């Protein structure tokens, strides 16, 4: 994820890439490269996007 990315959109795509097909696909995302400028915001966005 680059510093100028839409963080909410990027997080939604990352979560979908990881959990799509419940992780039973070898091509599922396992690692994410995130620029330092976004890293401090990531936990808050993940928390806000969680499903109850």
N, C-alpha and C. Protein backbone atom coordinates (compact mmCIF):
# COMPACT_ATOMS: atom_id res chain seq x y z
N UNK A 1 0.84 -1.16 0.00
CA UNK A 1 0.00 0.00 0.00
C UNK A 1 0.90 1.23 0.00
N UNK A 2 0.63 2.11 -0.93
CA UNK A 2 1.43 3.32 -1.05
C UNK A 2 0.79 4.46 -0.26
N UNK A 3 1.60 5.43 0.10
CA UNK A 3 1.14 6.53 0.94
C UNK A 3 -0.05 7.29 0.35
N UNK A 4 -0.18 7.34 -0.97
CA UNK A 4 -1.29 8.09 -1.57
C UNK A 4 -2.51 7.21 -1.86
N UNK A 5 -2.53 6.01 -1.33
CA UNK A 5 -3.65 5.08 -1.55
C UNK A 5 -4.86 5.48 -0.72
N UNK A 6 -6.03 5.09 -1.20
CA UNK A 6 -7.26 5.20 -0.40
C UNK A 6 -7.18 4.06 0.60
N UNK A 7 -6.86 4.37 1.84
CA UNK A 7 -6.56 3.33 2.83
C UNK A 7 -7.75 2.42 3.08
N UNK A 8 -8.94 2.97 3.16
CA UNK A 8 -10.12 2.13 3.40
C UNK A 8 -10.33 1.14 2.26
N UNK A 9 -10.21 1.61 1.05
CA UNK A 9 -10.36 0.73 -0.12
C UNK A 9 -9.26 -0.33 -0.15
N UNK A 10 -8.04 0.08 0.15
CA UNK A 10 -6.91 -0.86 0.15
C UNK A 10 -7.07 -1.93 1.22
N UNK A 11 -7.54 -1.54 2.39
CA UNK A 11 -7.74 -2.51 3.47
C UNK A 11 -8.85 -3.48 3.11
N UNK A 12 -9.93 -2.98 2.54
CA UNK A 12 -11.02 -3.88 2.12
C UNK A 12 -10.52 -4.90 1.10
N UNK A 13 -9.72 -4.44 0.14
CA UNK A 13 -9.18 -5.35 -0.87
C UNK A 13 -8.21 -6.35 -0.25
N UNK A 14 -7.40 -5.91 0.70
CA UNK A 14 -6.44 -6.80 1.35
C UNK A 14 -7.16 -7.88 2.16
N UNK A 15 -8.19 -7.48 2.90
CA UNK A 15 -8.95 -8.44 3.70
C UNK A 15 -9.66 -9.44 2.78
N UNK A 16 -10.25 -8.94 1.71
CA UNK A 16 -10.92 -9.84 0.76
C UNK A 16 -9.92 -10.80 0.14
N UNK A 17 -8.74 -10.31 -0.21
CA UNK A 17 -7.71 -11.16 -0.80
C UNK A 17 -7.23 -12.25 0.15
N UNK A 18 -7.25 -11.95 1.43
CA UNK A 18 -6.79 -12.94 2.42
C UNK A 18 -7.87 -13.96 2.74
N UNK A 19 -9.10 -13.52 2.90
CA UNK A 19 -10.14 -14.41 3.38
C UNK A 19 -11.04 -14.98 2.29
N UNK A 20 -10.84 -14.56 1.06
CA UNK A 20 -11.63 -15.10 -0.03
C UNK A 20 -11.43 -16.61 -0.09
N UNK A 21 -12.46 -17.35 -0.24
CA UNK A 21 -12.42 -18.82 -0.26
C UNK A 21 -11.89 -19.38 1.05
N UNK A 22 -12.09 -18.68 2.13
CA UNK A 22 -11.67 -19.05 3.49
C UNK A 22 -10.21 -19.48 3.57
N UNK A 23 -9.39 -18.86 2.74
CA UNK A 23 -7.95 -19.12 2.81
C UNK A 23 -7.52 -20.46 2.23
N UNK A 24 -8.40 -21.14 1.52
CA UNK A 24 -8.09 -22.47 1.00
C UNK A 24 -7.48 -22.43 -0.40
N UNK A 25 -7.00 -21.27 -0.79
CA UNK A 25 -6.41 -21.11 -2.11
C UNK A 25 -4.94 -20.73 -1.93
N UNK A 26 -4.07 -21.38 -2.63
CA UNK A 26 -2.64 -21.10 -2.45
C UNK A 26 -2.27 -19.69 -2.88
N UNK A 27 -3.12 -19.05 -3.68
CA UNK A 27 -2.84 -17.69 -4.14
C UNK A 27 -3.39 -16.62 -3.20
N UNK A 28 -3.95 -17.03 -2.07
CA UNK A 28 -4.48 -16.05 -1.11
C UNK A 28 -3.35 -15.17 -0.60
N UNK A 29 -3.65 -13.89 -0.39
CA UNK A 29 -2.64 -12.94 0.08
C UNK A 29 -2.15 -13.35 1.48
N UNK A 30 -0.86 -13.32 1.67
CA UNK A 30 -0.28 -13.69 2.96
C UNK A 30 0.55 -12.57 3.56
N UNK A 31 1.09 -11.71 2.71
CA UNK A 31 1.94 -10.60 3.17
C UNK A 31 1.51 -9.33 2.47
N UNK A 32 1.64 -8.24 3.17
CA UNK A 32 1.29 -6.94 2.60
C UNK A 32 2.46 -5.99 2.82
N UNK A 33 2.79 -5.26 1.80
CA UNK A 33 3.86 -4.26 1.89
C UNK A 33 3.18 -2.90 2.02
N UNK A 34 3.46 -2.23 3.13
CA UNK A 34 2.77 -0.99 3.46
C UNK A 34 3.81 0.09 3.74
N UNK A 35 3.69 1.22 3.07
CA UNK A 35 4.61 2.32 3.33
C UNK A 35 4.41 2.85 4.74
N UNK A 36 5.49 3.34 5.31
CA UNK A 36 5.49 3.76 6.70
C UNK A 36 4.43 4.82 7.00
N UNK A 37 4.15 5.69 6.06
CA UNK A 37 3.16 6.75 6.27
C UNK A 37 1.76 6.22 6.55
N UNK A 38 1.44 5.05 6.02
CA UNK A 38 0.12 4.44 6.24
C UNK A 38 0.09 3.51 7.44
N UNK A 39 1.23 3.02 7.81
CA UNK A 39 1.30 1.98 8.83
C UNK A 39 0.65 2.40 10.15
N UNK A 40 0.83 3.64 10.55
CA UNK A 40 0.26 4.06 11.83
C UNK A 40 -1.26 4.18 11.78
N UNK A 41 -1.84 4.33 10.59
CA UNK A 41 -3.29 4.45 10.45
C UNK A 41 -3.98 3.10 10.27
N UNK A 42 -3.22 2.10 9.90
CA UNK A 42 -3.79 0.80 9.56
C UNK A 42 -4.61 0.15 10.67
N UNK A 43 -4.14 0.09 11.91
CA UNK A 43 -4.95 -0.56 12.96
C UNK A 43 -6.30 0.12 13.16
N UNK A 44 -6.35 1.44 13.07
CA UNK A 44 -7.62 2.15 13.24
C UNK A 44 -8.59 1.82 12.12
N UNK A 45 -8.10 1.77 10.89
CA UNK A 45 -8.97 1.46 9.76
C UNK A 45 -9.46 0.02 9.86
N UNK A 46 -8.58 -0.90 10.22
CA UNK A 46 -9.00 -2.30 10.40
C UNK A 46 -10.09 -2.40 11.46
N UNK A 47 -9.91 -1.67 12.55
CA UNK A 47 -10.89 -1.70 13.65
C UNK A 47 -12.23 -1.13 13.19
N UNK A 48 -12.20 -0.04 12.44
CA UNK A 48 -13.43 0.60 11.96
C UNK A 48 -14.18 -0.28 10.96
N UNK A 49 -13.46 -1.08 10.19
CA UNK A 49 -14.08 -1.89 9.15
C UNK A 49 -14.48 -3.28 9.61
N UNK A 50 -14.23 -3.59 10.86
CA UNK A 50 -14.57 -4.94 11.34
C UNK A 50 -16.09 -5.12 11.29
N UNK A 51 -16.51 -6.35 11.17
CA UNK A 51 -17.94 -6.64 11.15
C UNK A 51 -18.37 -7.09 12.52
N UNK A 52 -19.50 -6.57 12.98
CA UNK A 52 -19.98 -6.96 14.33
C UNK A 52 -20.37 -8.41 14.43
